[in-house]
Amino acid sequence: MKHNELADQLPAGWDLNFDDHAIEVVDQKGAPILQVIQDGDYDIYINTVTSNGPNGLAILKGSKVSFRRKDSLSPQDLPTPIFKYPSGSNRGVRHG
């Protein structure tokens, strides 16, 4: 990322939204895959879902790290979306 833009293209159907204090990437189902959140001058929080082998996922959500099989992932395992999508018509618009 450079100046809130990705150097490479996102996979088909994925989206990116941001404001002055957060950046979020969601997959084609709208599930947050990456969130970087600035809270105040010194605190930065990162939530992410990354591949952990061919069938596994590593999930960093808040202060917890968990590991799940892709086929057992539930919405409760994922971070709550920050922004509304699609980003083209909702640039920087947060939920509620």
N, C-alpha and C. Protein backbone atom coordinates (compact mmCIF):
# COMPACT_ATOMS: atom_id res chain seq x y z
N MET A 1 0.84 -1.18 0.00
CA MET A 1 0.00 0.00 0.00
C MET A 1 0.89 1.24 0.00
N LYS A 2 0.43 2.22 -0.73
CA LYS A 2 1.13 3.51 -0.76
C LYS A 2 0.07 4.58 -0.95
N HIS A 3 -0.02 5.51 -0.01
CA HIS A 3 -1.01 6.59 -0.07
C HIS A 3 -2.43 6.03 -0.22
N ASN A 4 -2.76 5.02 0.60
CA ASN A 4 -4.09 4.39 0.62
C ASN A 4 -4.45 3.72 -0.70
N GLU A 5 -3.48 3.34 -1.50
CA GLU A 5 -3.74 2.62 -2.74
C GLU A 5 -2.88 1.37 -2.77
N LEU A 6 -3.44 0.33 -3.38
CA LEU A 6 -2.71 -0.92 -3.52
C LEU A 6 -1.80 -0.85 -4.74
N ALA A 7 -0.59 -1.37 -4.60
CA ALA A 7 0.33 -1.38 -5.72
C ALA A 7 -0.16 -2.33 -6.81
N ASP A 8 -0.75 -3.43 -6.42
CA ASP A 8 -1.29 -4.40 -7.37
C ASP A 8 -2.81 -4.38 -7.28
N GLN A 9 -3.44 -4.98 -8.27
CA GLN A 9 -4.90 -5.06 -8.28
C GLN A 9 -5.39 -6.08 -7.25
N LEU A 10 -6.56 -5.84 -6.73
CA LEU A 10 -7.22 -6.80 -5.84
C LEU A 10 -7.76 -7.95 -6.68
N PRO A 11 -7.95 -9.13 -6.07
CA PRO A 11 -8.62 -10.22 -6.79
C PRO A 11 -10.03 -9.79 -7.23
N ALA A 12 -10.53 -10.44 -8.25
CA ALA A 12 -11.87 -10.11 -8.78
C ALA A 12 -12.92 -10.18 -7.68
N GLY A 13 -13.74 -9.15 -7.59
CA GLY A 13 -14.83 -9.11 -6.62
C GLY A 13 -14.44 -8.54 -5.26
N TRP A 14 -13.17 -8.38 -4.99
CA TRP A 14 -12.73 -7.80 -3.72
C TRP A 14 -12.85 -6.29 -3.80
N ASP A 15 -12.86 -5.62 -2.62
CA ASP A 15 -13.02 -4.18 -2.60
C ASP A 15 -12.18 -3.58 -1.47
N LEU A 16 -11.89 -2.30 -1.58
CA LEU A 16 -11.09 -1.57 -0.61
C LEU A 16 -11.80 -0.28 -0.29
N ASN A 17 -11.88 0.05 1.01
CA ASN A 17 -12.45 1.32 1.42
C ASN A 17 -11.60 1.88 2.54
N PHE A 18 -11.63 3.20 2.71
CA PHE A 18 -10.76 3.82 3.72
C PHE A 18 -11.25 5.21 4.06
N ASP A 19 -10.76 5.70 5.19
CA ASP A 19 -10.90 7.11 5.55
C ASP A 19 -9.58 7.53 6.17
N ASP A 20 -9.55 8.63 6.89
CA ASP A 20 -8.29 9.12 7.46
C ASP A 20 -7.75 8.26 8.58
N HIS A 21 -8.57 7.32 9.12
CA HIS A 21 -8.14 6.56 10.29
C HIS A 21 -8.21 5.05 10.12
N ALA A 22 -8.66 4.57 8.97
CA ALA A 22 -8.75 3.11 8.78
C ALA A 22 -8.72 2.76 7.29
N ILE A 23 -8.21 1.56 7.04
CA ILE A 23 -8.20 0.98 5.70
C ILE A 23 -8.75 -0.43 5.85
N GLU A 24 -9.61 -0.83 4.91
CA GLU A 24 -10.21 -2.16 4.98
C GLU A 24 -10.27 -2.78 3.59
N VAL A 25 -9.93 -4.06 3.51
CA VAL A 25 -10.07 -4.85 2.29
C VAL A 25 -11.06 -5.97 2.59
N VAL A 26 -12.08 -6.12 1.72
CA VAL A 26 -13.05 -7.20 1.88
C VAL A 26 -12.98 -8.12 0.66
N ASP A 27 -13.34 -9.39 0.88
CA ASP A 27 -13.35 -10.34 -0.22
C ASP A 27 -14.65 -10.25 -1.01
N GLN A 28 -14.84 -11.13 -1.96
CA GLN A 28 -16.02 -11.08 -2.83
C GLN A 28 -17.33 -11.30 -2.09
N LYS A 29 -17.27 -11.84 -0.87
CA LYS A 29 -18.47 -12.03 -0.06
C LYS A 29 -18.69 -10.88 0.93
N GLY A 30 -17.79 -9.89 0.92
CA GLY A 30 -17.90 -8.75 1.84
C GLY A 30 -17.27 -9.01 3.20
N ALA A 31 -16.53 -10.13 3.32
CA ALA A 31 -15.88 -10.46 4.59
C ALA A 31 -14.56 -9.70 4.70
N PRO A 32 -14.32 -9.01 5.82
CA PRO A 32 -13.06 -8.29 6.00
C PRO A 32 -11.87 -9.25 6.01
N ILE A 33 -10.90 -8.99 5.14
CA ILE A 33 -9.68 -9.77 5.06
C ILE A 33 -8.53 -9.02 5.71
N LEU A 34 -8.57 -7.69 5.65
CA LEU A 34 -7.54 -6.86 6.27
C LEU A 34 -8.16 -5.57 6.76
N GLN A 35 -7.86 -5.22 8.00
CA GLN A 35 -8.25 -3.93 8.57
C GLN A 35 -7.04 -3.36 9.30
N VAL A 36 -6.72 -2.11 9.00
CA VAL A 36 -5.69 -1.38 9.72
C VAL A 36 -6.37 -0.13 10.25
N ILE A 37 -6.39 0.00 11.58
CA ILE A 37 -7.17 1.05 12.24
C ILE A 37 -6.26 1.88 13.14
N GLN A 38 -6.25 3.19 12.94
CA GLN A 38 -5.50 4.09 13.80
C GLN A 38 -6.45 4.64 14.84
N ASP A 39 -6.09 4.48 16.11
CA ASP A 39 -6.91 4.97 17.21
C ASP A 39 -6.06 5.94 18.03
N GLY A 40 -6.28 7.20 17.83
CA GLY A 40 -5.46 8.20 18.51
C GLY A 40 -4.12 8.36 17.81
N ASP A 41 -3.19 8.99 18.51
CA ASP A 41 -1.88 9.26 17.91
C ASP A 41 -0.93 8.07 17.93
N TYR A 42 -1.14 7.11 18.84
CA TYR A 42 -0.13 6.09 19.03
C TYR A 42 -0.60 4.65 18.87
N ASP A 43 -1.89 4.43 18.78
CA ASP A 43 -2.40 3.06 18.73
C ASP A 43 -2.85 2.69 17.32
N ILE A 44 -2.36 1.55 16.85
CA ILE A 44 -2.77 1.00 15.56
C ILE A 44 -3.18 -0.44 15.79
N TYR A 45 -4.34 -0.80 15.25
CA TYR A 45 -4.87 -2.15 15.38
C TYR A 45 -4.93 -2.80 14.01
N ILE A 46 -4.59 -4.07 13.96
CA ILE A 46 -4.63 -4.82 12.70
C ILE A 46 -5.46 -6.08 12.91
N ASN A 47 -6.45 -6.24 12.06
CA ASN A 47 -7.24 -7.47 12.01
C ASN A 47 -7.01 -8.06 10.62
N THR A 48 -6.77 -9.37 10.56
CA THR A 48 -6.50 -9.96 9.26
C THR A 48 -6.88 -11.44 9.23
N VAL A 49 -7.16 -11.91 8.04
CA VAL A 49 -7.41 -13.33 7.78
C VAL A 49 -6.41 -13.73 6.71
N THR A 50 -5.53 -14.67 7.03
CA THR A 50 -4.51 -15.10 6.07
C THR A 50 -4.53 -16.61 5.91
N SER A 51 -4.02 -17.05 4.79
CA SER A 51 -3.96 -18.48 4.52
C SER A 51 -2.91 -19.13 5.42
N ASN A 52 -3.26 -20.29 5.94
CA ASN A 52 -2.36 -21.06 6.80
C ASN A 52 -2.33 -22.48 6.25
N GLY A 53 -1.71 -22.64 5.08
CA GLY A 53 -1.72 -23.94 4.42
C GLY A 53 -2.87 -24.03 3.43
N PRO A 54 -3.00 -25.13 2.74
CA PRO A 54 -4.01 -25.24 1.68
C PRO A 54 -5.46 -25.21 2.18
N ASN A 55 -5.72 -25.63 3.39
CA ASN A 55 -7.09 -25.68 3.90
C ASN A 55 -7.30 -24.88 5.18
N GLY A 56 -6.29 -24.14 5.61
CA GLY A 56 -6.39 -23.45 6.88
C GLY A 56 -6.32 -21.95 6.77
N LEU A 57 -6.80 -21.30 7.81
CA LEU A 57 -6.76 -19.85 7.93
C LEU A 57 -6.24 -19.46 9.30
N ALA A 58 -5.46 -18.40 9.35
CA ALA A 58 -5.05 -17.79 10.60
C ALA A 58 -5.81 -16.47 10.70
N ILE A 59 -6.44 -16.23 11.84
CA ILE A 59 -7.28 -15.05 12.02
C ILE A 59 -6.76 -14.24 13.20
N LEU A 60 -6.40 -13.00 12.93
CA LEU A 60 -6.01 -12.06 13.98
C LEU A 60 -7.17 -11.09 14.11
N LYS A 61 -7.86 -11.15 15.25
CA LYS A 61 -9.06 -10.33 15.49
C LYS A 61 -8.96 -9.76 16.90
N GLY A 62 -8.77 -8.46 16.96
CA GLY A 62 -8.57 -7.83 18.27
C GLY A 62 -7.28 -8.32 18.87
N SER A 63 -7.33 -8.82 20.09
CA SER A 63 -6.13 -9.32 20.76
C SER A 63 -6.01 -10.84 20.66
N LYS A 64 -6.84 -11.47 19.83
CA LYS A 64 -6.85 -12.93 19.74
C LYS A 64 -6.37 -13.42 18.38
N VAL A 65 -5.67 -14.55 18.40
CA VAL A 65 -5.27 -15.24 17.19
C VAL A 65 -5.93 -16.61 17.23
N SER A 66 -6.56 -16.99 16.12
CA SER A 66 -7.18 -18.31 16.06
C SER A 66 -6.87 -18.94 14.70
N PHE A 67 -7.04 -20.23 14.64
CA PHE A 67 -6.79 -20.98 13.43
C PHE A 67 -8.05 -21.79 13.11
N ARG A 68 -8.47 -21.76 11.86
CA ARG A 68 -9.68 -22.46 11.44
C ARG A 68 -9.43 -23.14 10.11
N ARG A 69 -10.17 -24.23 9.89
CA ARG A 69 -10.22 -24.80 8.55
C ARG A 69 -11.13 -23.91 7.72
N LYS A 70 -10.82 -23.74 6.44
CA LYS A 70 -11.64 -22.89 5.58
C LYS A 70 -13.09 -23.32 5.58
N ASP A 71 -13.33 -24.63 5.63
CA ASP A 71 -14.71 -25.12 5.57
C ASP A 71 -15.47 -24.99 6.89
N SER A 72 -14.79 -24.59 7.97
CA SER A 72 -15.48 -24.42 9.26
C SER A 72 -15.55 -22.95 9.69
N LEU A 73 -15.16 -22.05 8.81
CA LEU A 73 -15.17 -20.63 9.13
C LEU A 73 -16.60 -20.11 9.24
N SER A 74 -16.87 -19.33 10.27
CA SER A 74 -18.20 -18.74 10.44
C SER A 74 -18.06 -17.21 10.49
N PRO A 75 -19.14 -16.48 10.25
CA PRO A 75 -19.07 -15.01 10.31
C PRO A 75 -18.58 -14.49 11.66
N GLN A 76 -18.84 -15.22 12.74
CA GLN A 76 -18.41 -14.80 14.07
C GLN A 76 -16.89 -14.84 14.22
N ASP A 77 -16.22 -15.64 13.38
CA ASP A 77 -14.76 -15.72 13.43
C ASP A 77 -14.10 -14.48 12.85
N LEU A 78 -14.81 -13.76 12.01
CA LEU A 78 -14.23 -12.64 11.26
C LEU A 78 -14.45 -11.31 11.95
N PRO A 79 -13.59 -10.33 11.64
CA PRO A 79 -13.81 -8.98 12.16
C PRO A 79 -15.11 -8.40 11.60
N THR A 80 -15.71 -7.47 12.33
CA THR A 80 -16.90 -6.78 11.87
C THR A 80 -16.50 -5.75 10.81
N PRO A 81 -17.20 -5.71 9.67
CA PRO A 81 -16.85 -4.71 8.65
C PRO A 81 -16.94 -3.29 9.20
N ILE A 82 -16.02 -2.46 8.77
CA ILE A 82 -15.99 -1.06 9.19
C ILE A 82 -16.80 -0.19 8.24
N PHE A 83 -16.64 -0.43 6.93
CA PHE A 83 -17.19 0.45 5.91
C PHE A 83 -18.33 -0.19 5.14
N LYS A 84 -19.07 0.67 4.44
CA LYS A 84 -20.13 0.22 3.53
C LYS A 84 -19.52 0.01 2.15
N TYR A 85 -20.11 -0.91 1.40
CA TYR A 85 -19.64 -1.24 0.05
C TYR A 85 -20.81 -1.27 -0.91
N PRO A 86 -20.56 -1.07 -2.20
CA PRO A 86 -19.26 -0.93 -2.86
C PRO A 86 -18.63 0.42 -2.53
N SER A 87 -17.31 0.42 -2.55
CA SER A 87 -16.58 1.61 -2.14
C SER A 87 -16.76 2.78 -3.12
N GLY A 88 -17.02 2.48 -4.39
CA GLY A 88 -17.18 3.56 -5.38
C GLY A 88 -18.28 4.53 -5.01
N SER A 89 -19.37 4.04 -4.47
CA SER A 89 -20.47 4.92 -4.08
C SER A 89 -20.53 5.15 -2.56
N ASN A 90 -19.58 4.56 -1.83
CA ASN A 90 -19.56 4.71 -0.36
C ASN A 90 -18.16 5.01 0.16
N ARG A 91 -17.36 5.76 -0.59
CA ARG A 91 -15.98 6.03 -0.20
C ARG A 91 -15.93 6.66 1.19
N GLY A 92 -15.31 5.95 2.13
CA GLY A 92 -15.12 6.45 3.49
C GLY A 92 -16.36 6.42 4.37
N VAL A 93 -17.45 5.83 3.90
CA VAL A 93 -18.69 5.78 4.69
C VAL A 93 -18.65 4.57 5.61
N ARG A 94 -18.72 4.84 6.91
CA ARG A 94 -18.69 3.77 7.90
C ARG A 94 -20.10 3.27 8.23
N HIS A 95 -20.16 2.01 8.69
CA HIS A 95 -21.42 1.47 9.19
C HIS A 95 -21.81 2.21 10.47
N GLY A 96 -23.11 2.43 10.63
CA GLY A 96 -23.72 2.97 11.83
C GLY A 96 -22.93 3.94 12.57
